[in-house]
Amino acid sequence: MTDNMDQARRSWNMSRIKDRNTRPELLVRSALHRLGYRFRLHRQDLPGTPDIVLPKHKTAIFVHGCFWHRHAGCKYAYSPKTRVDFWQRKFLENVRRYERQEQELTQMGWRVHVVWECETSDAGNLIATLSRLLG
């Protein structure tokens, strides 16, 4: 199967994918705010620039997209059918990088939690998950 877009159009499409203030991230932030937590966003002085940081609780939260971060067993973590070698290498590098960043944060004394994109679709479930993680 070949890509039905030329390289310039594909590059343009990929450049439109946001890495901050995504819908799942906004949902997590809203839920945390409803629970009464105060937080900081995208602290660049921490490894991996966590999406949400709760300094009072020394907790870092990453809101991971299931596709890019390879959420195991998730239907959204499918693999593209074209350029298979490229994508496998790309995904493996992503997973290794995030594991390394999580380990660095843990060694610095931070608690690290990951909220997956697919977990944000049910607001009640999301609030329960965050309460459990931070409670």
N, C-alpha and C. Protein backbone atom coordinates (compact mmCIF):
# COMPACT_ATOMS: atom_id res chain seq x y z
N MET A 1 0.84 -1.17 0.00
CA MET A 1 0.00 0.00 0.00
C MET A 1 0.89 1.24 0.00
N THR A 2 0.58 2.21 -0.83
CA THR A 2 1.37 3.43 -0.90
C THR A 2 0.60 4.59 -0.29
N ASP A 3 1.35 5.59 0.09
CA ASP A 3 0.75 6.79 0.66
C ASP A 3 0.02 7.53 -0.45
N ASN A 4 -1.20 7.98 -0.17
CA ASN A 4 -1.99 8.65 -1.20
C ASN A 4 -1.74 10.17 -1.23
N MET A 5 -0.74 10.64 -0.45
CA MET A 5 -0.38 12.06 -0.46
C MET A 5 1.07 12.20 -0.89
N ASP A 6 1.37 13.32 -1.52
CA ASP A 6 2.77 13.56 -1.84
C ASP A 6 3.52 13.96 -0.56
N GLN A 7 4.82 13.95 -0.63
CA GLN A 7 5.65 14.16 0.55
C GLN A 7 5.41 15.54 1.19
N ALA A 8 5.23 16.56 0.38
CA ALA A 8 5.02 17.91 0.91
C ALA A 8 3.71 17.99 1.69
N ARG A 9 2.65 17.40 1.13
CA ARG A 9 1.34 17.42 1.81
C ARG A 9 1.39 16.60 3.10
N ARG A 10 2.04 15.45 3.07
CA ARG A 10 2.16 14.62 4.26
C ARG A 10 2.93 15.37 5.35
N SER A 11 4.01 16.02 4.96
CA SER A 11 4.81 16.80 5.90
C SER A 11 3.97 17.93 6.51
N TRP A 12 3.19 18.60 5.70
CA TRP A 12 2.32 19.66 6.19
C TRP A 12 1.31 19.11 7.19
N ASN A 13 0.68 17.97 6.86
CA ASN A 13 -0.28 17.35 7.78
C ASN A 13 0.38 17.01 9.12
N MET A 14 1.55 16.40 9.05
CA MET A 14 2.23 15.99 10.28
C MET A 14 2.64 17.20 11.12
N SER A 15 2.95 18.31 10.48
CA SER A 15 3.36 19.51 11.22
C SER A 15 2.20 20.12 11.99
N ARG A 16 0.99 19.75 11.67
CA ARG A 16 -0.20 20.29 12.34
C ARG A 16 -0.55 19.51 13.62
N ILE A 17 0.13 18.43 13.88
CA ILE A 17 -0.14 17.64 15.08
C ILE A 17 0.48 18.35 16.27
N LYS A 18 -0.35 18.72 17.25
CA LYS A 18 0.11 19.51 18.38
C LYS A 18 0.77 18.61 19.43
N ASP A 19 1.69 19.20 20.20
CA ASP A 19 2.30 18.45 21.29
C ASP A 19 1.93 19.07 22.64
N ARG A 20 1.27 20.21 22.64
CA ARG A 20 0.83 20.87 23.87
C ARG A 20 -0.61 21.32 23.72
N ASN A 21 -1.28 21.38 24.87
CA ASN A 21 -2.67 21.84 24.91
C ASN A 21 -3.58 21.04 24.00
N THR A 22 -3.35 19.74 23.96
CA THR A 22 -4.20 18.85 23.18
C THR A 22 -5.52 18.64 23.93
N ARG A 23 -6.51 18.13 23.25
CA ARG A 23 -7.80 17.89 23.90
C ARG A 23 -7.67 16.97 25.11
N PRO A 24 -6.97 15.83 25.00
CA PRO A 24 -6.83 14.98 26.19
C PRO A 24 -6.14 15.71 27.35
N GLU A 25 -5.14 16.51 27.04
CA GLU A 25 -4.44 17.26 28.09
C GLU A 25 -5.39 18.26 28.75
N LEU A 26 -6.18 18.96 27.96
CA LEU A 26 -7.14 19.93 28.52
C LEU A 26 -8.17 19.23 29.40
N LEU A 27 -8.59 18.03 29.02
CA LEU A 27 -9.55 17.28 29.83
C LEU A 27 -8.94 16.88 31.17
N VAL A 28 -7.68 16.46 31.16
CA VAL A 28 -7.01 16.08 32.41
C VAL A 28 -6.84 17.32 33.29
N ARG A 29 -6.45 18.43 32.71
CA ARG A 29 -6.28 19.66 33.48
C ARG A 29 -7.60 20.09 34.10
N SER A 30 -8.67 20.00 33.34
CA SER A 30 -10.00 20.37 33.84
C SER A 30 -10.40 19.46 35.01
N ALA A 31 -10.16 18.18 34.87
CA ALA A 31 -10.51 17.23 35.93
C ALA A 31 -9.69 17.51 37.19
N LEU A 32 -8.40 17.76 37.04
CA LEU A 32 -7.56 18.09 38.19
C LEU A 32 -8.04 19.36 38.88
N HIS A 33 -8.43 20.34 38.09
CA HIS A 33 -8.92 21.59 38.66
C HIS A 33 -10.20 21.35 39.43
N ARG A 34 -11.09 20.52 38.89
CA ARG A 34 -12.34 20.18 39.58
C ARG A 34 -12.08 19.47 40.90
N LEU A 35 -11.01 18.70 40.94
CA LEU A 35 -10.65 17.99 42.18
C LEU A 35 -9.94 18.91 43.18
N GLY A 36 -9.65 20.14 42.77
CA GLY A 36 -9.05 21.11 43.67
C GLY A 36 -7.54 21.18 43.63
N TYR A 37 -6.91 20.53 42.68
CA TYR A 37 -5.45 20.55 42.57
C TYR A 37 -5.00 21.77 41.78
N ARG A 38 -3.86 22.30 42.20
CA ARG A 38 -3.23 23.38 41.46
C ARG A 38 -1.94 22.84 40.86
N PHE A 39 -1.61 23.30 39.68
CA PHE A 39 -0.49 22.67 38.97
C PHE A 39 0.20 23.67 38.06
N ARG A 40 1.32 23.26 37.56
CA ARG A 40 2.09 24.02 36.58
C ARG A 40 2.12 23.22 35.29
N LEU A 41 2.34 23.91 34.18
CA LEU A 41 2.33 23.25 32.88
C LEU A 41 3.72 23.24 32.25
N HIS A 42 4.07 22.12 31.64
CA HIS A 42 5.24 22.01 30.76
C HIS A 42 6.52 22.58 31.37
N ARG A 43 6.87 22.07 32.54
CA ARG A 43 8.09 22.55 33.21
C ARG A 43 9.32 22.07 32.45
N GLN A 44 10.00 22.99 31.82
CA GLN A 44 11.14 22.65 30.97
C GLN A 44 12.39 22.29 31.76
N ASP A 45 12.38 22.58 33.06
CA ASP A 45 13.54 22.24 33.87
C ASP A 45 13.51 20.79 34.35
N LEU A 46 12.46 20.05 34.00
CA LEU A 46 12.35 18.64 34.36
C LEU A 46 12.54 17.77 33.12
N PRO A 47 13.12 16.59 33.28
CA PRO A 47 13.31 15.69 32.13
C PRO A 47 11.97 15.37 31.46
N GLY A 48 11.94 15.49 30.15
CA GLY A 48 10.75 15.16 29.38
C GLY A 48 9.70 16.24 29.34
N THR A 49 9.91 17.36 30.04
CA THR A 49 8.94 18.45 30.11
C THR A 49 7.53 17.90 30.35
N PRO A 50 7.26 17.43 31.57
CA PRO A 50 5.94 16.84 31.86
C PRO A 50 4.81 17.79 31.49
N ASP A 51 3.69 17.22 31.04
CA ASP A 51 2.54 18.02 30.64
C ASP A 51 1.97 18.78 31.83
N ILE A 52 1.90 18.11 32.98
CA ILE A 52 1.32 18.70 34.18
C ILE A 52 2.23 18.36 35.36
N VAL A 53 2.53 19.38 36.17
CA VAL A 53 3.39 19.17 37.34
C VAL A 53 2.67 19.70 38.57
N LEU A 54 2.57 18.87 39.59
CA LEU A 54 2.00 19.26 40.87
C LEU A 54 3.16 19.37 41.86
N PRO A 55 3.78 20.56 41.97
CA PRO A 55 4.98 20.70 42.80
C PRO A 55 4.74 20.35 44.26
N LYS A 56 3.58 20.70 44.79
CA LYS A 56 3.27 20.43 46.20
C LYS A 56 3.30 18.93 46.49
N HIS A 57 2.90 18.12 45.51
CA HIS A 57 2.85 16.67 45.67
C HIS A 57 4.06 15.99 45.04
N LYS A 58 4.96 16.79 44.47
CA LYS A 58 6.15 16.30 43.76
C LYS A 58 5.75 15.20 42.77
N THR A 59 4.75 15.53 41.96
CA THR A 59 4.17 14.59 41.00
C THR A 59 4.19 15.19 39.61
N ALA A 60 4.60 14.38 38.64
CA ALA A 60 4.59 14.77 37.23
C ALA A 60 3.61 13.87 36.49
N ILE A 61 2.78 14.47 35.66
CA ILE A 61 1.79 13.72 34.88
C ILE A 61 2.06 13.95 33.40
N PHE A 62 2.17 12.85 32.68
CA PHE A 62 2.29 12.89 31.23
C PHE A 62 0.95 12.45 30.64
N VAL A 63 0.43 13.20 29.69
CA VAL A 63 -0.78 12.81 28.97
C VAL A 63 -0.30 12.31 27.62
N HIS A 64 -0.33 10.99 27.48
CA HIS A 64 0.23 10.36 26.28
C HIS A 64 -0.86 10.01 25.27
N GLY A 65 -0.59 10.30 24.02
CA GLY A 65 -1.44 9.85 22.93
C GLY A 65 -1.17 8.37 22.69
N CYS A 66 -2.20 7.60 22.53
CA CYS A 66 -2.07 6.14 22.40
C CYS A 66 -1.27 5.75 21.16
N PHE A 67 -1.42 6.48 20.07
CA PHE A 67 -0.72 6.15 18.84
C PHE A 67 0.78 6.40 18.97
N TRP A 68 1.17 7.61 19.34
CA TRP A 68 2.58 7.98 19.36
C TRP A 68 3.35 7.30 20.48
N HIS A 69 2.70 7.03 21.59
CA HIS A 69 3.39 6.47 22.76
C HIS A 69 3.15 4.98 22.94
N ARG A 70 2.44 4.37 22.00
CA ARG A 70 2.26 2.91 21.92
C ARG A 70 1.58 2.33 23.15
N HIS A 71 0.38 2.76 23.43
CA HIS A 71 -0.40 2.23 24.54
C HIS A 71 -0.72 0.76 24.26
N ALA A 72 -0.12 -0.11 25.05
CA ALA A 72 -0.25 -1.56 24.83
C ALA A 72 -1.71 -2.00 24.89
N GLY A 73 -2.13 -2.73 23.86
CA GLY A 73 -3.47 -3.29 23.80
C GLY A 73 -4.57 -2.30 23.41
N CYS A 74 -4.20 -1.08 23.10
CA CYS A 74 -5.20 -0.07 22.75
C CYS A 74 -5.46 -0.08 21.24
N LYS A 75 -6.72 0.09 20.87
CA LYS A 75 -7.06 0.08 19.44
C LYS A 75 -6.48 1.27 18.70
N TYR A 76 -6.13 2.33 19.41
CA TYR A 76 -5.56 3.51 18.77
C TYR A 76 -4.06 3.40 18.55
N ALA A 77 -3.44 2.35 19.07
CA ALA A 77 -1.99 2.16 18.91
C ALA A 77 -1.70 1.27 17.71
N TYR A 78 -2.39 1.51 16.63
CA TYR A 78 -2.19 0.71 15.42
C TYR A 78 -0.88 1.11 14.75
N SER A 79 -0.40 0.29 13.87
CA SER A 79 0.83 0.59 13.14
C SER A 79 0.49 0.89 11.68
N PRO A 80 1.07 1.95 11.14
CA PRO A 80 0.84 2.26 9.73
C PRO A 80 1.29 1.12 8.82
N LYS A 81 0.65 1.00 7.69
CA LYS A 81 0.95 -0.10 6.77
C LYS A 81 2.08 0.25 5.79
N THR A 82 2.40 1.52 5.67
CA THR A 82 3.49 1.93 4.79
C THR A 82 4.72 2.26 5.63
N ARG A 83 5.89 2.12 5.04
CA ARG A 83 7.16 2.44 5.70
C ARG A 83 7.25 1.78 7.08
N VAL A 84 6.97 0.50 7.12
CA VAL A 84 6.89 -0.25 8.37
C VAL A 84 8.18 -0.15 9.18
N ASP A 85 9.32 -0.31 8.54
CA ASP A 85 10.60 -0.24 9.26
C ASP A 85 10.79 1.13 9.91
N PHE A 86 10.47 2.19 9.19
CA PHE A 86 10.60 3.54 9.72
C PHE A 86 9.74 3.71 10.98
N TRP A 87 8.47 3.29 10.88
CA TRP A 87 7.55 3.48 11.99
C TRP A 87 7.94 2.62 13.19
N GLN A 88 8.37 1.41 12.98
CA GLN A 88 8.79 0.56 14.10
C GLN A 88 9.96 1.21 14.83
N ARG A 89 10.93 1.70 14.08
CA ARG A 89 12.08 2.37 14.68
C ARG A 89 11.65 3.63 15.43
N LYS A 90 10.78 4.42 14.80
CA LYS A 90 10.28 5.65 15.41
C LYS A 90 9.57 5.37 16.73
N PHE A 91 8.68 4.40 16.72
CA PHE A 91 7.93 4.07 17.93
C PHE A 91 8.84 3.53 19.03
N LEU A 92 9.80 2.69 18.66
CA LEU A 92 10.74 2.15 19.63
C LEU A 92 11.56 3.27 20.28
N GLU A 93 12.02 4.21 19.47
CA GLU A 93 12.77 5.36 20.00
C GLU A 93 11.90 6.19 20.95
N ASN A 94 10.64 6.40 20.58
CA ASN A 94 9.72 7.15 21.45
C ASN A 94 9.58 6.46 22.80
N VAL A 95 9.29 5.17 22.78
CA VAL A 95 9.08 4.42 24.02
C VAL A 95 10.33 4.44 24.89
N ARG A 96 11.48 4.23 24.30
CA ARG A 96 12.74 4.26 25.06
C ARG A 96 12.99 5.63 25.67
N ARG A 97 12.75 6.69 24.91
CA ARG A 97 12.97 8.04 25.41
C ARG A 97 12.07 8.32 26.61
N TYR A 98 10.81 7.95 26.53
CA TYR A 98 9.89 8.23 27.63
C TYR A 98 10.22 7.38 28.86
N GLU A 99 10.66 6.15 28.65
CA GLU A 99 11.09 5.32 29.78
C GLU A 99 12.29 5.95 30.47
N ARG A 100 13.25 6.45 29.69
CA ARG A 100 14.44 7.09 30.24
C ARG A 100 14.06 8.36 31.02
N GLN A 101 13.16 9.16 30.47
CA GLN A 101 12.75 10.39 31.15
C GLN A 101 12.01 10.08 32.45
N GLU A 102 11.17 9.06 32.41
CA GLU A 102 10.44 8.67 33.62
C GLU A 102 11.43 8.20 34.70
N GLN A 103 12.43 7.44 34.31
CA GLN A 103 13.44 6.97 35.24
C GLN A 103 14.22 8.14 35.84
N GLU A 104 14.58 9.12 35.03
CA GLU A 104 15.30 10.30 35.52
C GLU A 104 14.46 11.07 36.54
N LEU A 105 13.17 11.24 36.24
CA LEU A 105 12.29 11.94 37.18
C LEU A 105 12.18 11.17 38.50
N THR A 106 12.05 9.87 38.41
CA THR A 106 11.94 9.03 39.61
C THR A 106 13.20 9.15 40.45
N GLN A 107 14.35 9.14 39.81
CA GLN A 107 15.61 9.28 40.53
C GLN A 107 15.74 10.64 41.19
N MET A 108 15.07 11.64 40.65
CA MET A 108 15.08 12.98 41.25
C MET A 108 14.07 13.09 42.39
N GLY A 109 13.32 12.02 42.65
CA GLY A 109 12.36 12.02 43.75
C GLY A 109 10.94 12.36 43.36
N TRP A 110 10.66 12.42 42.07
CA TRP A 110 9.31 12.74 41.59
C TRP A 110 8.50 11.46 41.41
N ARG A 111 7.20 11.57 41.68
CA ARG A 111 6.27 10.50 41.33
C ARG A 111 5.80 10.80 39.90
N VAL A 112 5.75 9.77 39.08
CA VAL A 112 5.40 9.97 37.67
C VAL A 112 4.16 9.13 37.35
N HIS A 113 3.19 9.76 36.71
CA HIS A 113 1.98 9.07 36.28
C HIS A 113 1.74 9.36 34.80
N VAL A 114 1.19 8.38 34.12
CA VAL A 114 0.82 8.54 32.71
C VAL A 114 -0.68 8.39 32.59
N VAL A 115 -1.31 9.34 31.95
CA VAL A 115 -2.73 9.25 31.61
C VAL A 115 -2.79 9.09 30.10
N TRP A 116 -3.43 8.02 29.66
CA TRP A 116 -3.52 7.73 28.22
C TRP A 116 -4.70 8.46 27.60
N GLU A 117 -4.53 8.81 26.36
CA GLU A 117 -5.56 9.52 25.60
C GLU A 117 -6.92 8.82 25.69
N CYS A 118 -6.93 7.51 25.56
CA CYS A 118 -8.20 6.78 25.56
C CYS A 118 -8.88 6.80 26.94
N GLU A 119 -8.13 7.10 27.99
CA GLU A 119 -8.70 7.16 29.34
C GLU A 119 -9.43 8.48 29.58
N THR A 120 -9.29 9.43 28.69
CA THR A 120 -9.91 10.74 28.89
C THR A 120 -11.31 10.83 28.29
N SER A 121 -11.77 9.78 27.62
CA SER A 121 -13.07 9.85 26.95
C SER A 121 -14.24 9.80 27.93
N ASP A 122 -14.06 9.24 29.12
CA ASP A 122 -15.11 9.15 30.12
C ASP A 122 -14.71 10.03 31.31
N ALA A 123 -15.39 11.18 31.47
CA ALA A 123 -15.01 12.16 32.49
C ALA A 123 -15.08 11.57 33.91
N GLY A 124 -16.09 10.81 34.21
CA GLY A 124 -16.23 10.22 35.54
C GLY A 124 -15.10 9.25 35.85
N ASN A 125 -14.77 8.45 34.86
CA ASN A 125 -13.67 7.49 35.01
C ASN A 125 -12.34 8.22 35.16
N LEU A 126 -12.16 9.29 34.41
CA LEU A 126 -10.93 10.08 34.49
C LEU A 126 -10.75 10.67 35.88
N ILE A 127 -11.82 11.24 36.43
CA ILE A 127 -11.74 11.83 37.77
C ILE A 127 -11.42 10.76 38.80
N ALA A 128 -12.03 9.59 38.68
CA ALA A 128 -11.75 8.49 39.61
C ALA A 128 -10.29 8.04 39.50
N THR A 129 -9.79 7.95 38.28
CA THR A 129 -8.40 7.55 38.06
C THR A 129 -7.44 8.56 38.69
N LEU A 130 -7.68 9.85 38.45
CA LEU A 130 -6.81 10.89 38.99
C LEU A 130 -6.88 10.93 40.51
N SER A 131 -8.06 10.74 41.07
CA SER A 131 -8.20 10.69 42.53
C SER A 131 -7.40 9.55 43.12
N ARG A 132 -7.45 8.40 42.46
CA ARG A 132 -6.72 7.23 42.92
C ARG A 132 -5.20 7.47 42.82
N LEU A 133 -4.76 8.05 41.70
CA LEU A 133 -3.34 8.30 41.51
C LEU A 133 -2.77 9.30 42.52
N LEU A 134 -3.55 10.32 42.83
CA LEU A 134 -3.05 11.40 43.68
C LEU A 134 -3.50 11.30 45.13
N GLY A 135 -4.45 10.43 45.40
CA GLY A 135 -5.01 10.34 46.75
C GLY A 135 -4.24 9.60 47.74
